[in-house]
Amino acid sequence: MDEEFNPAHKYENVRMELDGTVASIIFSRTHALNALDRATATEFLLCCQEAARNQSIRALVLKAEGRAFGVGGDLASLRLDSVKAAAALIQPMHDAVRLLSSMDAPVIASLHGYVAGGSLSLALACDLAVAADNTCFNLAYTNVGASGDVGSSWNLPRLVGLRNALEIALLSENFDAATALRLGMINRIVPAANLGHETMTLAKRLASGPTLAFGRMKRLMRDSYSHDFASHLDAESFNFCESVATADFQEAVDAFFAKRAPVFQGR
């Protein structure tokens, strides 16, 4: 990427806002139901890069304006020179989800309306997901003769199991938030009117936690699929010993013996 994030610049389709130690990356391409084109993907990556650089951010929320979290890739932008256009769209989205998975700060998807294709794949790549009760999901790729991207074929079977993942992917049917919750694709369902408040309450709770420990826990769980048991025990030992060397661990121990709540600083 030869572009750099400029917080003073008003991006056309995506922006980042800060509320204390919580950052929100907001899709605002509302006229297209937040469909992902190259410009949107590039702006999203720039916001993710800034979030990853900003050490004061201790929780990150992905959300959207308008009637949908997002309907996936913009088919109009993929219609001409589709191979080149697809590669130009996928690269920044993949770079972005790599960053999100590597961040210490927990990443929360706040979902409403329609969530399909690459937008659903992005939600699956987050650490936690809260959905409004009016949310409709569809992986959708096979409906347009395509396979998955943005990590969907990696994340979905790990969340719901292989058979459920294949049904969701091959049939590409709409399903509601209750089904997504039952399958483990989301963590919570809330009334649509309360989505913003409930998501921010969760984000602020996480932002007040031991951020470095959160990051180590995230990576241990993601890496567990590629480790054998013995090597994973070694990884747990290493990360635990690194954790007890932090100021947050010392604060938690001091608070325990003082019979008070710990005040974590994320360091």
Protein backbone atom coordinates (compact mmCIF):
# COMPACT_ATOMS: atom_id res chain seq x y z
CA MET A 1 0.00 0.00 0.00
CA ASP A 2 1.42 3.40 -0.98
CA GLU A 3 -1.34 5.36 0.76
CA GLU A 4 -1.31 6.44 4.39
CA PHE A 5 -4.12 7.00 6.86
CA ASN A 6 -4.86 10.67 7.46
CA PRO A 7 -7.30 11.22 10.36
CA ALA A 8 -8.11 14.70 9.02
CA HIS A 9 -9.14 13.30 5.63
CA LYS A 10 -12.80 12.44 5.14
CA TYR A 11 -12.89 9.11 3.39
CA GLU A 12 -15.78 8.47 1.07
CA ASN A 13 -16.87 5.01 2.24
CA VAL A 14 -15.23 4.18 5.59
CA ARG A 15 -14.16 6.18 8.61
CA MET A 16 -12.71 5.59 12.06
CA GLU A 17 -13.93 7.22 15.26
CA LEU A 18 -12.42 7.13 18.75
CA ASP A 19 -14.32 7.07 22.04
CA GLY A 20 -11.64 6.90 24.70
CA THR A 21 -9.88 3.56 24.27
CA VAL A 22 -12.59 2.16 21.95
CA ALA A 23 -12.26 2.67 18.20
CA SER A 24 -15.05 2.15 15.69
CA ILE A 25 -14.49 1.54 12.00
CA ILE A 26 -17.70 2.46 10.21
CA PHE A 27 -18.79 1.54 6.70
CA SER A 28 -20.81 4.39 5.20
CA ARG A 29 -21.35 3.47 1.56
CA THR A 30 -25.04 3.45 2.29
CA HIS A 31 -26.30 4.03 -1.27
CA ALA A 32 -24.83 0.63 -2.19
CA LEU A 33 -25.77 -1.14 1.08
CA ASN A 34 -22.07 -1.00 1.99
CA ALA A 35 -21.05 -3.25 -0.87
CA LEU A 36 -17.30 -3.70 -1.01
CA ASP A 37 -15.48 -2.21 -3.97
CA ARG A 38 -11.77 -1.48 -4.32
CA ALA A 39 -12.04 2.03 -2.85
CA THR A 40 -14.00 0.79 0.16
CA ALA A 41 -11.58 -2.08 0.76
CA THR A 42 -8.61 0.28 0.53
CA GLU A 43 -10.13 2.74 3.00
CA PHE A 44 -10.99 -0.12 5.33
CA LEU A 45 -7.40 -1.35 5.25
CA LEU A 46 -6.07 2.13 5.97
CA CYS A 47 -8.35 2.39 9.00
CA CYS A 48 -7.25 -1.05 10.21
CA GLN A 49 -3.60 -0.07 9.81
CA GLU A 50 -4.17 3.04 11.91
CA ALA A 51 -6.02 1.02 14.55
CA ALA A 52 -3.15 -1.47 14.70
CA ARG A 53 -0.61 1.36 15.10
CA ASN A 54 -2.53 3.20 17.80
CA GLN A 55 -1.46 1.67 21.11
CA SER A 56 -4.19 3.52 23.00
CA ILE A 57 -6.92 1.46 21.30
CA ARG A 58 -7.97 -1.43 23.53
CA ALA A 59 -11.15 -2.54 21.73
CA LEU A 60 -12.25 -2.18 18.13
CA VAL A 61 -15.82 -2.23 16.78
CA LEU A 62 -16.72 -2.81 13.12
CA LYS A 63 -20.13 -1.43 12.23
CA ALA A 64 -22.03 0.21 9.41
CA GLU A 65 -24.52 2.94 8.65
CA GLY A 66 -27.68 2.53 6.64
CA ARG A 67 -29.90 -0.49 6.15
CA ALA A 68 -27.20 -3.17 6.05
CA PHE A 69 -23.88 -4.04 7.60
CA GLY A 70 -22.88 -5.02 4.09
CA VAL A 71 -23.92 -7.11 1.10
CA GLY A 72 -20.43 -8.34 0.17
CA GLY A 73 -18.49 -7.60 -2.97
CA ASP A 74 -19.82 -4.97 -5.37
CA LEU A 75 -20.75 -6.99 -8.45
CA ALA A 76 -20.79 -3.89 -10.62
CA SER A 77 -17.11 -3.32 -9.88
CA LEU A 78 -16.33 -6.95 -10.69
CA ARG A 79 -18.21 -7.04 -13.97
CA LEU A 80 -15.42 -5.80 -16.25
CA ASP A 81 -11.97 -7.41 -16.17
CA SER A 82 -13.28 -9.54 -13.32
CA VAL A 83 -10.02 -11.34 -12.47
CA LYS A 84 -8.02 -8.12 -12.09
CA ALA A 85 -10.86 -6.40 -10.24
CA ALA A 86 -11.30 -9.33 -7.86
CA ALA A 87 -7.59 -9.40 -7.00
CA ALA A 88 -7.60 -5.63 -6.37
CA LEU A 89 -10.54 -6.01 -4.00
CA ILE A 90 -9.37 -9.13 -2.19
CA GLN A 91 -5.81 -8.00 -1.42
CA PRO A 92 -6.70 -5.07 0.88
CA MET A 93 -9.48 -7.06 2.56
CA HIS A 94 -7.12 -9.95 3.27
CA ASP A 95 -4.42 -7.59 4.52
CA ALA A 96 -7.03 -6.02 6.80
CA VAL A 97 -8.26 -9.27 8.37
CA ARG A 98 -4.66 -10.35 8.95
CA LEU A 99 -4.20 -7.16 10.95
CA LEU A 100 -7.42 -7.67 12.90
CA SER A 101 -6.44 -11.21 13.88
CA SER A 102 -3.00 -10.06 15.04
CA MET A 103 -4.20 -7.15 17.20
CA ASP A 104 -4.16 -7.48 20.97
CA ALA A 105 -7.38 -5.46 21.17
CA PRO A 106 -10.55 -7.55 20.84
CA VAL A 107 -12.47 -6.89 17.61
CA ILE A 108 -16.28 -6.87 17.75
CA ALA A 109 -18.61 -7.01 14.75
CA SER A 110 -21.85 -5.05 15.26
CA LEU A 111 -24.31 -6.43 12.73
CA HIS A 112 -27.69 -5.35 11.43
CA GLY A 113 -29.84 -5.57 8.36
CA TYR A 114 -28.35 -7.73 5.63
CA VAL A 115 -24.93 -9.36 6.11
CA ALA A 116 -23.77 -11.28 3.06
CA GLY A 117 -20.76 -12.45 1.08
CA GLY A 118 -17.51 -10.72 1.96
CA SER A 119 -19.26 -8.64 4.61
CA LEU A 120 -20.30 -11.83 6.40
CA SER A 121 -16.79 -13.19 5.93
CA LEU A 122 -15.45 -10.06 7.63
CA ALA A 123 -17.84 -10.56 10.55
CA LEU A 124 -16.69 -14.17 10.90
CA ALA A 125 -13.08 -12.96 11.13
CA CYS A 126 -13.84 -10.80 14.19
CA ASP A 127 -13.30 -12.06 17.72
CA LEU A 128 -16.90 -11.47 18.82
CA ALA A 129 -20.14 -10.61 17.03
CA VAL A 130 -23.31 -8.91 18.27
CA ALA A 131 -26.32 -8.91 15.95
CA ALA A 132 -29.57 -7.01 15.91
CA ASP A 133 -32.65 -9.20 15.96
CA ASN A 134 -33.52 -8.07 12.43
CA THR A 135 -30.27 -9.31 10.88
CA CYS A 136 -30.40 -11.56 7.83
CA PHE A 137 -27.35 -13.61 6.85
CA ASN A 138 -26.29 -15.29 3.61
CA LEU A 139 -22.80 -16.44 2.65
CA ALA A 140 -23.98 -15.92 -0.95
CA TYR A 141 -20.78 -16.74 -2.87
CA THR A 142 -22.15 -19.73 -4.75
CA ASN A 143 -25.20 -17.72 -5.76
CA VAL A 144 -22.87 -15.77 -8.05
CA GLY A 145 -20.70 -18.74 -9.02
CA ALA A 146 -17.81 -17.86 -6.72
CA SER A 147 -15.94 -19.45 -3.82
CA GLY A 148 -15.16 -17.71 -0.54
CA ASP A 149 -12.69 -15.02 0.43
CA VAL A 150 -11.83 -12.81 3.44
CA GLY A 151 -11.19 -15.96 5.46
CA SER A 152 -14.71 -17.39 5.21
CA SER A 153 -13.64 -20.92 4.29
CA TRP A 154 -11.19 -20.93 7.24
CA ASN A 155 -13.38 -19.33 9.89
CA LEU A 156 -16.80 -20.77 9.10
CA PRO A 157 -16.05 -24.50 9.60
CA ARG A 158 -14.19 -23.68 12.81
CA LEU A 159 -17.21 -21.82 14.15
CA VAL A 160 -20.06 -24.09 13.05
CA GLY A 161 -18.48 -27.43 12.08
CA LEU A 162 -17.79 -28.80 8.61
CA ARG A 163 -21.26 -30.10 7.73
CA ASN A 164 -23.01 -26.91 8.82
CA ALA A 165 -20.40 -24.82 7.00
CA LEU A 166 -20.91 -26.77 3.79
CA GLU A 167 -24.68 -26.37 4.01
CA ILE A 168 -24.35 -22.61 4.56
CA ALA A 169 -21.83 -22.28 1.73
CA LEU A 170 -23.30 -24.61 -0.88
CA LEU A 171 -26.97 -23.69 -0.48
CA SER A 172 -26.35 -19.98 0.11
CA GLU A 173 -29.77 -19.45 1.67
CA ASN A 174 -30.90 -16.63 3.92
CA PHE A 175 -30.98 -17.36 7.65
CA ASP A 176 -31.84 -15.24 10.66
CA ALA A 177 -29.98 -14.12 13.77
CA ALA A 178 -31.47 -16.91 15.90
CA THR A 179 -29.99 -19.50 13.52
CA ALA A 180 -26.64 -17.70 13.49
CA LEU A 181 -26.60 -17.72 17.30
CA ARG A 182 -27.54 -21.42 17.48
CA LEU A 183 -24.73 -22.30 15.07
CA GLY A 184 -22.14 -20.20 16.93
CA MET A 185 -21.61 -17.58 14.24
CA ILE A 186 -22.55 -14.73 16.59
CA ASN A 187 -22.35 -14.30 20.36
CA ARG A 188 -25.43 -12.23 21.17
CA ILE A 189 -28.73 -11.04 19.72
CA VAL A 190 -30.08 -7.69 20.86
CA PRO A 191 -33.09 -5.56 19.86
CA ALA A 192 -32.21 -3.49 16.80
CA ALA A 193 -32.83 -0.25 18.69
CA ASN A 194 -30.27 -1.26 21.32
CA LEU A 195 -27.51 -2.54 19.01
CA GLY A 196 -25.24 0.50 19.31
CA HIS A 197 -25.57 0.75 23.08
CA GLU A 198 -25.10 -2.98 23.70
CA THR A 199 -22.09 -3.19 21.40
CA MET A 200 -20.41 -0.18 23.00
CA THR A 201 -21.09 -1.52 26.50
CA LEU A 202 -19.33 -4.76 25.55
CA ALA A 203 -16.49 -2.89 23.84
CA LYS A 204 -15.89 -0.64 26.85
CA ARG A 205 -15.88 -3.65 29.17
CA LEU A 206 -13.21 -5.30 27.02
CA ALA A 207 -11.29 -2.04 26.67
CA SER A 208 -10.93 -1.91 30.45
CA GLY A 209 -9.41 -5.40 30.53
CA PRO A 210 -5.85 -6.80 30.28
CA THR A 211 -5.25 -6.06 26.59
CA LEU A 212 -1.95 -7.92 26.25
CA ALA A 213 -3.47 -11.01 27.84
CA PHE A 214 -6.42 -10.74 25.45
CA GLY A 215 -4.02 -10.69 22.51
CA ARG A 216 -2.13 -13.73 23.76
CA MET A 217 -5.38 -15.61 24.35
CA LYS A 218 -6.62 -14.74 20.85
CA ARG A 219 -3.45 -16.02 19.21
CA LEU A 220 -3.27 -19.17 21.34
CA MET A 221 -6.81 -20.13 20.38
CA ARG A 222 -6.34 -19.39 16.69
CA ASP A 223 -3.00 -21.21 16.60
CA SER A 224 -4.40 -24.25 18.42
CA TYR A 225 -5.73 -25.65 15.14
CA SER A 226 -2.24 -25.86 13.66
CA HIS A 227 -0.39 -27.10 16.78
CA ASP A 228 -0.13 -30.61 18.11
CA PHE A 229 -0.94 -30.87 21.81
CA ALA A 230 2.67 -30.97 23.02
CA SER A 231 3.73 -27.91 21.04
CA HIS A 232 0.63 -26.05 22.13
CA LEU A 233 1.46 -26.71 25.77
CA ASP A 234 4.85 -25.13 25.09
CA ALA A 235 3.11 -22.11 23.54
CA GLU A 236 0.81 -21.82 26.55
CA SER A 237 3.77 -21.96 28.92
CA PHE A 238 5.66 -19.28 27.01
CA ASN A 239 2.67 -16.94 26.81
CA PHE A 240 1.70 -17.42 30.45
CA CYS A 241 5.21 -16.57 31.60
CA GLU A 242 5.19 -13.51 29.35
CA SER A 243 1.83 -12.51 30.84
CA VAL A 244 2.95 -12.69 34.46
CA ALA A 245 5.72 -10.22 33.64
CA THR A 246 3.17 -7.51 32.75
CA ALA A 247 1.97 -4.63 34.87
CA ASP A 248 -1.60 -5.85 34.44
CA PHE A 249 -0.83 -9.20 36.04
CA GLN A 250 0.85 -7.50 39.01
CA GLU A 251 -2.14 -5.17 39.35
CA ALA A 252 -4.56 -8.12 39.30
CA VAL A 253 -2.60 -9.95 42.01
CA ASP A 254 -2.36 -6.83 44.17
CA ALA A 255 -6.07 -6.20 43.73
CA PHE A 256 -6.91 -9.79 44.66
CA PHE A 257 -5.10 -9.57 47.98
CA ALA A 258 -6.45 -6.07 48.63
CA LYS A 259 -9.99 -7.33 47.94
CA ARG A 260 -10.66 -4.68 45.29
CA ALA A 261 -11.35 -4.67 41.57
CA PRO A 262 -8.22 -4.45 39.40
CA VAL A 263 -7.64 -1.42 37.22
CA PHE A 264 -5.94 -2.66 34.07
CA GLN A 265 -3.85 -0.36 31.89
CA GLY A 266 -3.35 -2.70 28.97
CA ARG A 267 0.38 -3.08 29.55
